[in-house]
Protein backbone atom coordinates (compact mmCIF):
# COMPACT_ATOMS: atom_id res chain seq x y z
CA MET A 1 0.01 -0.20 -0.53
CA THR A 2 2.02 3.02 -1.49
CA ASP A 3 1.78 6.68 -1.11
CA SER A 4 3.04 9.63 -1.96
CA SER A 5 6.27 9.86 -3.30
CA ASN A 6 7.87 12.62 -2.03
CA LEU A 7 7.58 11.01 1.64
CA PHE A 8 10.41 12.96 3.03
CA ASP A 9 9.58 16.77 3.31
CA ALA A 10 12.11 18.82 1.87
CA SER A 11 13.13 20.16 5.98
CA MET A 12 14.15 17.11 6.39
CA PRO A 13 18.28 16.64 5.28
CA GLY A 14 18.86 15.27 1.67
CA TYR A 15 15.58 16.85 0.11
CA ASN A 16 15.88 18.69 -2.84
CA VAL A 17 19.11 20.00 -2.23
CA THR A 18 19.96 23.07 -4.15
CA ASP A 19 23.03 25.04 -5.72
CA SER A 20 22.63 27.52 -2.90
CA THR A 21 23.50 25.21 -0.09
CA SER A 22 26.63 25.00 1.42
CA PRO A 23 28.94 22.21 1.27
CA ASP A 24 28.58 21.21 4.71
CA GLU A 25 24.75 20.88 4.21
CA ASN A 26 25.70 18.52 0.63
CA VAL A 27 28.01 16.75 2.97
CA SER A 28 25.41 15.52 5.39
CA SER A 29 22.81 15.49 2.70
CA ILE A 30 24.59 12.90 1.17
CA ILE A 31 25.22 10.97 4.57
CA TRP A 32 21.65 10.92 5.69
CA MET A 33 20.35 10.04 2.14
CA THR A 34 23.21 6.84 2.11
CA LEU A 35 22.01 5.73 5.16
CA ARG A 36 18.55 5.86 4.45
CA ALA A 37 19.25 4.00 1.46
CA SER A 38 21.38 1.37 3.87
CA ILE A 39 18.26 0.65 5.88
CA MET A 40 15.64 0.76 2.91
CA ILE A 41 18.45 -2.04 1.22
CA PHE A 42 18.93 -4.46 4.43
CA ILE A 43 15.33 -4.02 4.91
CA ILE A 44 14.84 -5.64 1.40
CA VAL A 45 17.56 -8.22 1.13
CA ALA A 46 16.37 -9.52 4.44
CA SER A 47 12.76 -9.94 3.71
CA ILE A 48 14.01 -11.82 0.47
CA GLY A 49 16.75 -13.96 2.16
CA GLY A 50 15.04 -15.16 5.37
CA ASN A 51 11.46 -15.90 3.40
CA LEU A 52 13.35 -17.42 0.45
CA LEU A 53 15.56 -19.66 3.77
CA VAL A 54 11.60 -20.77 4.41
CA ILE A 55 10.36 -21.53 1.53
CA VAL A 56 13.44 -23.96 0.91
CA SER A 57 13.81 -25.27 4.38
CA VAL A 58 10.25 -26.85 4.48
CA MET A 59 10.85 -28.24 0.92
CA ARG A 60 13.95 -29.96 2.18
CA HIS A 61 13.16 -31.33 5.41
CA ARG A 62 10.44 -33.77 5.32
CA LYS A 63 8.98 -33.18 8.89
CA LEU A 64 8.19 -29.90 8.55
CA ARG A 65 5.59 -30.29 5.71
CA ILE A 66 2.75 -30.39 7.91
CA ILE A 67 -0.40 -28.78 6.69
CA THR A 68 0.14 -26.12 8.93
CA ASN A 69 3.57 -24.74 7.12
CA TYR A 70 1.50 -24.81 3.66
CA PHE A 71 0.16 -21.34 4.96
CA VAL A 72 3.93 -20.96 6.24
CA VAL A 73 5.24 -21.26 2.97
CA SER A 74 2.62 -19.34 0.67
CA LEU A 75 2.99 -16.48 3.64
CA ALA A 76 6.73 -16.33 2.80
CA PHE A 77 5.92 -16.14 -1.10
CA ALA A 78 3.68 -13.52 -0.38
CA ASP A 79 6.21 -11.47 2.42
CA MET A 80 8.90 -12.13 -0.35
CA LEU A 81 6.85 -10.35 -3.22
CA VAL A 82 6.08 -7.58 -1.28
CA ALA A 83 10.24 -7.44 -0.89
CA MET A 84 10.85 -7.35 -4.51
CA VAL A 85 7.91 -5.68 -6.05
CA ALA A 86 6.66 -2.77 -3.12
CA MET A 87 10.18 -2.21 -1.35
CA THR A 88 11.85 -1.71 -3.84
CA PHE A 89 9.45 1.05 -6.25
CA ASN A 90 9.18 2.25 -2.57
CA ALA A 91 12.47 2.79 -1.88
CA SER A 92 13.59 3.86 -5.39
CA VAL A 93 11.00 7.14 -4.32
CA GLN A 94 13.00 7.32 -0.76
CA VAL A 95 16.01 7.94 -3.13
CA THR A 96 15.56 10.01 -5.78
CA GLY A 97 12.14 11.83 -4.45
CA LYS A 98 10.01 11.30 -7.60
CA TRP A 99 8.71 8.89 -9.62
CA ASN A 100 10.77 7.28 -12.14
CA PHE A 101 8.17 5.57 -13.52
CA SER A 102 5.26 5.47 -16.08
CA PHE A 103 1.42 6.96 -15.12
CA PHE A 104 0.56 3.45 -15.88
CA MET A 105 3.37 1.65 -14.00
CA CYS A 106 2.62 4.13 -10.80
CA ASP A 107 -0.94 2.28 -11.17
CA VAL A 108 0.77 -1.56 -11.04
CA TRP A 109 2.70 -0.29 -7.86
CA ASN A 110 0.38 0.85 -6.37
CA SER A 111 -1.97 -2.13 -7.05
CA LEU A 112 0.62 -4.91 -6.57
CA ASP A 113 1.48 -3.45 -3.36
CA VAL A 114 -2.37 -3.52 -2.39
CA TYR A 115 -2.04 -7.00 -3.39
CA PHE A 116 0.80 -8.37 -2.03
CA SER A 117 -0.04 -6.92 1.52
CA THR A 118 -3.27 -7.76 1.75
CA ALA A 119 -2.45 -11.54 1.17
CA SER A 120 0.18 -11.51 3.91
CA ILE A 121 -2.15 -10.31 6.30
CA LEU A 122 -4.78 -13.20 5.24
CA HIS A 123 -1.84 -15.76 5.52
CA LEU A 124 -2.45 -14.81 8.48
CA CYS A 125 -5.70 -14.74 9.29
CA CYS A 126 -5.92 -18.58 7.81
CA ILE A 127 -2.51 -19.41 10.53
CA SER A 128 -4.91 -18.40 13.28
CA VAL A 129 -7.37 -20.52 12.12
CA ASP A 130 -5.57 -23.49 11.73
CA ARG A 131 -4.58 -22.96 15.28
CA TYR A 132 -7.53 -22.59 16.67
CA TYR A 133 -9.25 -25.94 14.86
CA ALA A 134 -5.81 -28.35 15.84
CA ILE A 135 -5.45 -26.69 19.51
CA VAL A 136 -9.32 -26.14 20.90
CA LYS A 137 -10.75 -28.93 18.27
CA PRO A 138 -8.67 -31.66 18.13
CA LEU A 139 -10.70 -34.24 17.44
CA LYS A 140 -11.81 -31.86 14.24
CA TYR A 141 -8.99 -31.08 12.71
CA PRO A 142 -7.89 -34.12 10.81
CA ILE A 143 -11.89 -34.06 8.98
CA ASN A 144 -11.61 -30.00 8.41
CA MET A 145 -8.17 -29.20 7.67
CA THR A 146 -7.70 -31.40 5.04
CA LYS A 147 -4.95 -30.90 1.84
CA ARG A 148 -7.84 -30.00 -0.47
CA VAL A 149 -9.31 -27.50 2.60
CA VAL A 150 -6.17 -25.74 2.72
CA ALA A 151 -5.40 -25.34 -0.97
CA PHE A 152 -9.55 -23.61 -1.44
CA MET A 153 -7.94 -20.97 1.45
CA LEU A 154 -4.74 -20.43 0.17
CA LEU A 155 -6.65 -19.73 -3.14
CA ASN A 156 -9.09 -17.55 -1.91
CA VAL A 157 -6.12 -15.76 0.01
CA TRP A 158 -4.52 -15.38 -3.40
CA VAL A 159 -7.49 -14.24 -5.11
CA SER A 160 -9.91 -12.03 -2.58
CA PRO A 161 -7.15 -9.70 -3.16
CA ALA A 162 -7.59 -8.54 -6.22
CA VAL A 163 -11.20 -7.15 -5.42
CA ILE A 164 -9.37 -4.41 -3.51
CA SER A 165 -6.25 -3.58 -5.58
CA PHE A 166 -6.52 -4.41 -9.29
CA VAL A 167 -10.00 -3.60 -9.94
CA PRO A 168 -10.83 -0.43 -8.03
CA ILE A 169 -6.81 1.13 -8.72
CA MET A 170 -6.66 0.08 -12.82
CA CYS A 171 -10.38 1.42 -12.94
CA GLY A 172 -9.50 4.73 -11.28
CA TRP A 173 -12.77 3.87 -8.62
CA TYR A 174 -10.33 4.37 -5.64
CA THR A 175 -9.47 8.12 -5.87
CA THR A 176 -11.43 11.70 -7.12
CA SER A 177 -11.25 12.95 -10.52
CA GLU A 178 -9.74 16.09 -9.42
CA HIS A 179 -7.12 13.53 -8.12
CA LEU A 180 -6.71 11.63 -11.43
CA LYS A 181 -6.61 14.94 -13.03
CA TYR A 182 -3.75 16.09 -10.55
CA ARG A 183 -1.75 13.00 -11.97
CA TYR A 184 -2.40 13.15 -15.21
CA GLN A 185 -0.52 17.02 -15.04
CA HIS A 186 2.10 15.15 -12.89
CA PRO A 187 3.18 12.30 -14.25
CA ASN A 188 6.42 12.36 -12.36
CA ILE A 189 4.43 12.22 -8.58
CA CYS A 190 2.43 8.99 -7.71
CA ASP A 191 0.62 9.71 -5.61
CA PHE A 192 -1.97 7.20 -3.70
CA LYS A 193 -4.97 9.29 -2.61
CA VAL A 194 -8.04 7.37 -1.56
CA ASN A 195 -11.46 8.30 -0.78
CA ARG A 196 -13.44 7.51 1.64
CA ILE A 197 -15.59 4.77 0.91
CA TYR A 198 -12.15 3.07 -0.89
CA ALA A 199 -10.58 3.99 2.20
CA ILE A 200 -13.16 2.00 4.96
CA VAL A 201 -13.33 -0.80 2.46
CA SER A 202 -10.13 -1.82 1.70
CA SER A 203 -8.84 -0.95 5.58
CA SER A 204 -11.53 -3.49 6.66
CA ILE A 205 -10.86 -6.42 4.16
CA SER A 206 -6.34 -5.65 4.62
CA PHE A 207 -6.72 -5.56 8.47
CA TRP A 208 -9.56 -4.40 10.83
CA ILE A 209 -11.69 -8.62 9.57
CA PRO A 210 -8.31 -10.23 9.82
CA CYS A 211 -7.16 -8.62 12.87
CA THR A 212 -10.45 -9.21 14.57
CA ILE A 213 -10.42 -12.91 13.64
CA MET A 214 -6.92 -13.52 14.68
CA VAL A 215 -7.17 -11.28 18.18
CA PHE A 216 -10.36 -13.63 18.78
CA THR A 217 -9.28 -17.34 17.92
CA TYR A 218 -5.73 -16.49 19.70
CA LEU A 219 -7.16 -15.70 22.78
CA ALA A 220 -9.38 -18.79 22.66
CA ILE A 221 -6.07 -21.07 22.05
CA PHE A 222 -4.44 -19.71 25.00
CA LYS A 223 -7.08 -20.61 26.96
CA GLU A 224 -7.48 -24.00 25.92
CA ALA A 225 -3.79 -24.33 25.73
CA ASN A 226 -3.82 -23.01 29.78
CA ARG A 227 -6.86 -25.44 30.88
CA GLN A 228 -4.54 -28.40 28.79
CA GLU A 229 -1.47 -27.28 30.92
CA LYS A 230 -3.17 -27.28 34.66
CA GLN A 231 -4.77 -30.66 33.64
CA LEU A 232 -1.51 -31.85 32.65
CA HIS A 233 0.45 -30.62 35.76
CA SER A 234 -1.88 -32.08 38.11
CA ARG A 235 -2.30 -35.27 36.01
CA HIS A 236 1.69 -35.25 36.90
CA TYR A 237 1.44 -34.65 39.87
CA GLY A 238 -1.24 -37.19 40.83
CA ASN A 239 1.55 -39.70 39.27
CA GLN A 240 4.09 -38.09 41.72
CA LEU A 241 2.02 -39.25 44.74
CA LEU A 242 0.94 -42.92 43.77
CA LEU A 243 4.94 -43.39 42.22
CA GLY A 244 6.29 -42.29 45.99
CA ASN A 245 3.48 -44.36 47.74
CA HIS A 246 4.32 -47.43 45.60
CA GLY A 247 7.96 -46.84 46.21
CA ARG A 248 7.67 -46.61 49.74
CA ASP A 249 5.57 -50.05 49.61
CA ALA A 250 8.13 -51.87 47.43
CA SER A 251 10.88 -51.08 49.74
CA TYR A 252 9.08 -53.54 52.47
CA SER A 253 8.26 -55.97 50.25
CA ASN A 254 8.62 -57.84 47.59
CA SER A 255 6.12 -60.63 47.43
CA ASN A 256 3.61 -59.18 44.75
CA GLY A 257 6.20 -60.50 41.55
CA ASP A 258 7.21 -56.33 41.62
CA LEU A 259 10.26 -55.78 39.32
CA ALA A 260 12.68 -54.59 41.34
CA VAL A 261 12.53 -53.50 45.00
CA GLY A 262 13.44 -50.18 46.66
CA ALA A 263 12.31 -46.16 46.01
CA GLY A 264 12.76 -45.44 42.64
CA LYS A 265 12.76 -48.35 41.04
CA LEU A 266 10.29 -49.52 37.87
CA THR A 267 7.10 -51.72 39.15
CA LEU A 268 4.68 -53.14 37.12
CA GLU A 269 1.83 -51.22 38.36
CA ASP A 270 3.84 -47.99 37.88
CA ALA A 271 4.23 -48.79 34.33
CA HIS A 272 0.57 -48.82 33.93
CA HIS A 273 0.86 -44.50 34.91
CA SER A 274 3.17 -43.55 31.93
CA THR A 275 2.96 -45.56 28.82
CA PRO A 276 4.90 -45.07 25.03
CA THR A 277 1.70 -43.79 23.53
CA LYS A 278 0.72 -41.07 26.71
CA ASP A 279 4.43 -39.66 25.85
CA ARG A 280 3.80 -39.16 21.93
CA ASN A 281 0.45 -37.65 22.71
CA ILE A 282 2.88 -35.12 25.73
CA ILE A 283 5.17 -34.51 23.19
CA LYS A 284 2.47 -33.70 20.22
CA MET A 285 0.15 -31.37 22.45
CA LYS A 286 3.33 -29.76 24.07
CA ARG A 287 4.31 -29.25 19.84
CA GLU A 288 1.08 -28.19 19.45
CA HIS A 289 1.36 -25.28 22.48
CA LYS A 290 4.86 -24.57 20.43
CA ALA A 291 3.58 -23.40 17.44
CA ALA A 292 0.57 -21.50 18.69
CA ARG A 293 2.89 -19.35 21.23
CA THR A 294 5.48 -18.79 18.16
CA LEU A 295 2.16 -17.94 15.94
CA GLY A 296 1.11 -15.98 18.78
CA ILE A 297 4.12 -13.51 18.64
CA ILE A 298 3.96 -13.16 14.82
CA MET A 299 0.23 -12.30 15.17
CA GLY A 300 1.29 -9.60 17.81
CA THR A 301 4.42 -8.33 15.75
CA PHE A 302 2.04 -8.23 12.64
CA ILE A 303 -0.41 -5.71 14.52
CA LEU A 304 2.36 -3.63 16.16
CA CYS A 305 3.92 -3.28 12.63
CA TRP A 306 0.68 -2.71 10.81
CA LEU A 307 -1.76 -0.34 13.57
CA PRO A 308 -0.03 2.73 12.86
CA PHE A 309 -0.37 2.46 8.93
CA PHE A 310 -4.26 2.10 9.48
CA LEU A 311 -4.27 4.18 11.98
CA TRP A 312 -3.48 6.98 9.86
CA TYR A 313 -5.03 5.22 6.24
CA VAL A 314 -7.90 5.73 7.91
CA ILE A 315 -7.80 8.81 9.39
CA THR A 316 -6.51 10.96 7.35
CA SER A 317 -8.85 9.66 4.30
CA LEU A 318 -11.87 10.98 6.42
CA CYS A 319 -10.78 14.04 8.23
CA GLY A 320 -8.92 14.92 4.95
CA ASP A 321 -6.87 17.87 4.57
CA ALA A 322 -8.14 18.59 8.61
CA CYS A 323 -5.45 16.08 9.88
CA ASP A 324 -2.66 16.40 7.85
CA CYS A 325 0.63 14.03 8.88
CA PRO A 326 4.19 14.97 8.20
CA ASP A 327 5.49 13.25 5.03
CA TYR A 328 8.37 11.78 7.38
CA VAL A 329 6.12 10.23 9.66
CA VAL A 330 3.90 8.77 6.88
CA ALA A 331 7.21 7.09 5.22
CA ILE A 332 8.09 5.57 8.81
CA PHE A 333 4.62 4.18 8.71
CA PHE A 334 5.07 2.36 5.25
CA TRP A 335 8.26 0.96 6.38
CA ILE A 336 7.51 -0.36 9.57
CA GLY A 337 4.71 -2.45 7.86
CA TYR A 338 6.94 -3.71 5.05
CA PHE A 339 9.38 -4.70 8.23
CA ASN A 340 6.53 -7.19 9.21
CA SER A 341 7.77 -9.67 6.23
CA THR A 342 11.88 -9.01 7.29
CA LEU A 343 10.75 -9.92 10.58
CA ASN A 344 8.12 -13.07 10.54
CA PRO A 345 12.12 -15.63 9.85
CA LEU A 346 13.65 -14.39 12.39
CA ILE A 347 10.79 -15.19 14.86
CA TYR A 348 10.44 -19.04 13.50
CA ALA A 349 14.23 -19.01 13.78
CA TYR A 350 14.31 -18.15 17.50
CA PHE A 351 10.66 -19.75 18.54
CA ASN A 352 10.59 -22.61 16.69
CA ARG A 353 13.36 -25.16 17.20
CA ASP A 354 12.82 -27.17 13.93
CA PHE A 355 12.76 -24.31 11.59
CA ARG A 356 16.09 -22.89 13.64
CA GLU A 357 17.32 -26.93 12.36
CA ALA A 358 16.32 -26.72 9.32
CA PHE A 359 17.57 -22.83 8.83
CA LYS A 360 20.86 -24.39 10.20
CA ASN A 361 21.22 -27.19 8.29
CA THR A 362 20.21 -25.45 4.90
CA LEU A 363 22.88 -22.70 5.47
CA GLN A 364 25.32 -25.19 6.12
CA CYS A 365 24.30 -26.96 2.95
CA ALA A 366 24.21 -23.67 1.43
CA PHE A 367 27.77 -22.74 2.87
CA CYS A 368 29.58 -25.66 3.46
CA SER A 369 28.70 -28.67 1.32
CA LEU A 370 27.95 -26.30 -1.78
CA CYS A 371 24.58 -28.43 -1.78
CA ARG A 372 26.38 -31.86 -2.23
CA ARG A 373 25.21 -32.93 1.09
CA GLU A 374 21.54 -34.66 1.53
CA PRO A 375 18.70 -33.04 3.47
CA SER A 376 18.46 -34.37 7.00
CA ASP A 377 15.92 -35.70 8.48
CA LEU A 378 15.11 -33.80 11.23
CA ASP A 379 14.05 -36.79 13.66
CA GLU A 380 17.58 -37.66 13.03
CA LEU A 381 18.54 -34.25 14.99
CA ASP A 382 15.96 -34.90 17.73
CA ILE A 383 17.73 -38.17 18.87
CA ARG A 384 20.94 -36.58 18.35
CA ARG A 385 19.71 -33.82 20.82
CA ALA A 386 18.19 -36.73 22.92
CA SER A 387 14.27 -35.83 22.73
CA LEU A 388 13.25 -38.02 25.08
CA ARG A 389 14.90 -35.66 27.61
CA TYR A 390 11.22 -34.11 29.25
CA ASP A 391 11.04 -31.04 31.04
CA ASP A 392 9.79 -31.76 34.70
CA ARG A 393 6.30 -31.62 34.11
CA THR A 394 6.24 -34.56 31.37
CA LYS A 395 9.02 -37.14 31.60
CA SER A 396 8.10 -40.18 32.37
CA VAL A 397 9.27 -43.42 33.95
CA TYR A 398 10.00 -45.04 30.86
CA SER A 399 12.55 -41.75 29.88
CA ASP A 400 14.44 -41.75 33.12
CA THR A 401 15.04 -45.37 33.07
CA TYR A 402 16.11 -45.00 29.56
CA LEU A 403 18.00 -41.90 29.71
CA LYS A 404 19.93 -43.34 32.98
CA HIS A 405 20.73 -46.83 31.25
CA HIS A 406 22.11 -44.65 28.05
CA ILE A 407 24.11 -42.72 29.97
CA ASP A 408 25.08 -45.65 31.94
CA ARG A 409 26.86 -47.59 28.40
CA ARG A 410 27.73 -44.27 27.04
CA THR A 411 30.05 -43.63 30.52
CA SER A 412 31.43 -47.63 30.53
CA SER A 413 31.89 -47.35 26.67
CA GLU A 414 33.98 -44.41 27.14
CA PHE A 415 35.83 -45.32 30.15
CA GLY A 416 36.70 -48.90 28.60
CA SER A 417 37.79 -46.58 25.58
CA SER A 418 40.12 -44.72 27.59
CA LEU A 419 42.00 -47.65 28.96
């Protein structure tokens, strides 16, 4: 979503430098323009590289090929196009201070900017709905979120933004007749001034409605996640009490056929309190909660990045010239919104262990082995990380026994090799 070509006003250093300026002012203007261009280039390159890394990592690792990540890959593709199309044209305007292309290309740029930004936001809305069914209604999730349903949702996400981008902008319905005449008279200016109806409709479809859906779905997700966490904690605490009682009983008698005596040993009765199936369910639930937390952080970042822009967009469109805003503030709002496309891959890498391992493996392949190594399986990485080490609330007697036995074997083997 783009706006005027003069987003930095003449009062700022580096804008409309004339011959009457002093050498010091010229140097400061060059430094300011270089700093501005460097920041924008960094955001563009980081966005393209980070989102491309997401796409390649999911393609290379089977463990990441789940339904939720279909949305994530499509979101990364939309964010990458935002950087390649919307940010690059905007950066050229910021550096040169004018529109350097034709009248038709101005409409194309505005349409692509609105289209890809809206597609990126709608992807986040679909991800929140997917997480809602996975956490709140897990029994209905395999039935409702099939590959056909996901394909239909992604098709709508990519088609529906055209209704508020290409159609009204290319037809001239988005603005007033006075502004169209002004654009024909000044072809080196690419202002995107909208009328009130378009401002309300486009902002509602692009931001307000998806944002409302995301807020309510994530509130329900976090409420359900907390409820499941409390149930899991109370159930594990009760099992610990039972295990303690069995341990004390077994230390006095071994006449009932127990596997071992003494506190801390595994018994046949204790084995019924934790099974591999239960452990797998616990791991799956924790993984769903972690994915919901990661995507919740993405949603919160999205709101913080785009809310200032859409508040300015709606307020200035409704009250007109009475609510004038400095051009440099408008530019900051635009690039804060653009920066959201750069932050999403960083959030994956920091908060999601599977993505972090996949990113690391993909980068090692790209820069160290020149893509000669086969894509590693993240399941094998889990084994090397000793993934059976759950936290204190979820570890079972099986995992404790396995780890103790495994550590004893490794210690003895290391001691033998040292001899």
